[in-house]
Amino acid sequence: MTDETLDQLGAALSDLHRVLRRRAVLRTGRAALPDAQVEVLRLVQRQPGISVREAAERMGTAANTVSTLVGELTTAGLLHRNRDPADRRTVRLELTELACERIVAYGQHRRELLAAALADLDPADRERLRAAVPALSRLAEHAAELP
């Protein structure tokens, strides 16, 4: 791929993410969480019981940064911190019921927005996008593994 094509792909993915996020947040009627907090919530959703240290490693950031984010999310009522019974120094993270409810509502709004935008495209473009989903998922996985 050329640099121009890579720039276009990156811009298109970034624009789509930003527009869907902004519009979905508006529909929820809540203030948007900072991206770093959303990243922690999504990670805990995928890996309930993850420790702060493990989350920091997965996110590629310092443990004290994640600890600060966890503190903010706990204060907001979105995360529970539980001591690991096998190692009392380790804190395990779980989503609260409020966080789960917000994630479900946000996901519903995103799906509705995406469905409405897709409905405006011609059938050939919708099919090309449907066919590209597995490749885009693999692209995200490979990008996450890069140093």
Protein backbone atom coordinates (compact mmCIF):
# COMPACT_ATOMS: atom_id res chain seq x y z
CA MET A 1 0.00 0.00 0.00
CA THR A 2 1.14 3.51 -0.69
CA ASP A 3 1.63 6.13 2.01
CA GLU A 4 -1.37 7.98 0.58
CA THR A 5 -3.59 4.91 0.85
CA LEU A 6 -2.39 4.23 4.40
CA ASP A 7 -3.13 7.85 5.33
CA GLN A 8 -6.60 7.59 3.80
CA LEU A 9 -7.37 4.33 5.61
CA GLY A 10 -6.16 5.70 8.94
CA ALA A 11 -8.14 8.91 8.49
CA ALA A 12 -11.32 7.06 7.48
CA LEU A 13 -11.13 4.71 10.49
CA SER A 14 -10.36 7.58 12.84
CA ASP A 15 -13.17 9.74 11.46
CA LEU A 16 -15.69 6.91 11.71
CA HIS A 17 -14.69 6.13 15.31
CA ARG A 18 -14.82 9.79 16.34
CA VAL A 19 -18.20 10.48 14.70
CA LEU A 20 -19.84 7.35 16.13
CA ARG A 21 -18.42 8.01 19.59
CA ARG A 22 -19.44 11.66 19.64
CA ARG A 23 -22.96 11.01 18.32
CA ALA A 24 -23.55 8.00 20.60
CA VAL A 25 -22.44 10.01 23.63
CA LEU A 26 -24.83 12.81 22.65
CA ARG A 27 -27.68 10.31 22.44
CA THR A 28 -26.94 8.95 25.92
CA GLY A 29 -27.24 12.44 27.41
CA ARG A 30 -24.13 11.89 29.51
CA ALA A 31 -20.74 13.56 29.42
CA ALA A 32 -18.15 11.62 27.44
CA LEU A 33 -15.55 9.75 29.42
CA PRO A 34 -11.92 10.41 28.48
CA ASP A 35 -10.54 7.90 25.96
CA ALA A 36 -8.12 6.47 28.54
CA GLN A 37 -10.99 5.68 30.94
CA VAL A 38 -13.00 4.09 28.13
CA GLU A 39 -9.96 1.96 27.26
CA VAL A 40 -9.77 0.70 30.86
CA LEU A 41 -13.49 -0.11 30.92
CA ARG A 42 -13.31 -1.96 27.61
CA LEU A 43 -10.32 -3.94 28.83
CA VAL A 44 -12.08 -4.91 32.08
CA GLN A 45 -15.18 -5.83 30.08
CA ARG A 46 -13.09 -8.20 27.92
CA GLN A 47 -11.07 -9.52 30.88
CA PRO A 48 -13.05 -9.33 34.14
CA GLY A 49 -10.78 -9.70 37.14
CA ILE A 50 -7.73 -8.24 35.41
CA SER A 51 -5.25 -6.62 37.79
CA VAL A 52 -4.03 -3.04 37.55
CA ARG A 53 -0.55 -4.27 36.62
CA GLU A 54 -1.92 -6.55 33.90
CA ALA A 55 -4.09 -3.72 32.57
CA ALA A 56 -1.08 -1.41 32.44
CA GLU A 57 0.90 -4.02 30.50
CA ARG A 58 -1.97 -4.52 28.02
CA MET A 59 -2.37 -0.78 27.57
CA GLY A 60 1.36 -0.16 27.29
CA THR A 61 1.38 2.42 30.07
CA ALA A 62 2.64 2.83 33.61
CA ALA A 63 0.84 1.05 36.44
CA ASN A 64 0.46 4.33 38.37
CA THR A 65 -1.34 5.87 35.35
CA VAL A 66 -3.80 2.97 35.25
CA SER A 67 -4.15 3.15 39.02
CA THR A 68 -5.18 6.81 38.71
CA LEU A 69 -7.71 5.94 35.98
CA VAL A 70 -9.07 3.09 38.11
CA GLY A 71 -9.45 5.48 41.05
CA GLU A 72 -11.43 7.92 38.90
CA LEU A 73 -13.64 5.15 37.51
CA THR A 74 -14.22 3.74 41.00
CA THR A 75 -15.22 7.18 42.29
CA ALA A 76 -17.61 7.50 39.32
CA GLY A 77 -19.21 4.19 40.31
CA LEU A 78 -18.07 2.36 37.17
CA LEU A 79 -15.46 -0.05 38.59
CA HIS A 80 -15.12 -2.27 41.64
CA ARG A 81 -11.69 -2.98 43.07
CA ASN A 82 -11.45 -6.32 44.83
CA ARG A 83 -8.44 -7.72 46.66
CA ASP A 84 -7.17 -10.98 45.20
CA PRO A 85 -7.66 -13.63 47.93
CA ALA A 86 -4.48 -15.43 46.83
CA ASP A 87 -2.35 -12.24 46.91
CA ARG A 88 -3.78 -9.42 49.04
CA ARG A 89 -1.39 -6.93 47.38
CA THR A 90 -3.15 -7.45 44.02
CA VAL A 91 -6.36 -5.65 43.15
CA ARG A 92 -8.76 -7.27 40.66
CA LEU A 93 -11.08 -5.09 38.58
CA GLU A 94 -14.75 -5.67 37.79
CA LEU A 95 -17.35 -3.51 36.06
CA THR A 96 -20.20 -2.24 38.20
CA GLU A 97 -23.84 -2.66 37.23
CA LEU A 98 -23.88 1.04 36.28
CA ALA A 99 -20.94 0.54 33.93
CA CYS A 100 -22.62 -2.46 32.32
CA GLU A 101 -25.83 -0.47 31.81
CA ARG A 102 -23.93 2.43 30.25
CA ILE A 103 -21.97 0.10 27.96
CA VAL A 104 -25.18 -1.57 26.76
CA ALA A 105 -26.89 1.79 26.11
CA TYR A 106 -23.84 3.21 24.35
CA GLY A 107 -23.50 0.09 22.19
CA GLN A 108 -27.16 0.29 21.19
CA HIS A 109 -26.78 3.92 20.16
CA ARG A 110 -23.63 3.13 18.16
CA ARG A 111 -25.36 0.26 16.35
CA GLU A 112 -28.36 2.46 15.52
CA LEU A 113 -26.12 5.23 14.18
CA LEU A 114 -24.05 2.81 12.14
CA ALA A 115 -27.14 1.09 10.74
CA ALA A 116 -28.64 4.43 9.72
CA ALA A 117 -25.42 5.54 8.03
CA LEU A 118 -25.06 2.20 6.25
CA ALA A 119 -28.66 2.38 5.04
CA ASP A 120 -27.73 5.52 3.10
CA LEU A 121 -24.98 3.70 1.18
CA ASP A 122 -25.62 1.76 -1.98
CA PRO A 123 -25.89 -2.04 -1.61
CA ALA A 124 -22.48 -2.64 -3.22
CA ASP A 125 -20.72 -0.40 -0.68
CA ARG A 126 -22.58 -2.11 2.20
CA GLU A 127 -21.47 -5.51 0.89
CA ARG A 128 -17.84 -4.37 0.52
CA LEU A 129 -17.88 -3.10 4.10
CA ARG A 130 -19.49 -6.32 5.38
CA ALA A 131 -16.83 -8.36 3.59
CA ALA A 132 -14.05 -6.16 5.05
CA VAL A 133 -15.07 -6.70 8.70
CA PRO A 134 -12.94 -9.85 9.29
CA ALA A 135 -9.89 -8.23 7.70
CA LEU A 136 -10.35 -5.06 9.76
CA SER A 137 -10.64 -7.14 12.93
CA ARG A 138 -7.41 -8.95 12.08
CA LEU A 139 -5.76 -5.61 11.29
CA ALA A 140 -6.71 -4.31 14.76
CA GLU A 141 -5.36 -7.47 16.42
CA HIS A 142 -2.06 -7.25 14.53
CA ALA A 143 -1.71 -3.54 15.27
CA ALA A 144 -2.28 -4.22 18.98
CA GLU A 145 0.62 -6.69 18.98
CA LEU A 146 3.13 -4.28 17.46
CA PRO A 147 5.80 -2.73 19.72
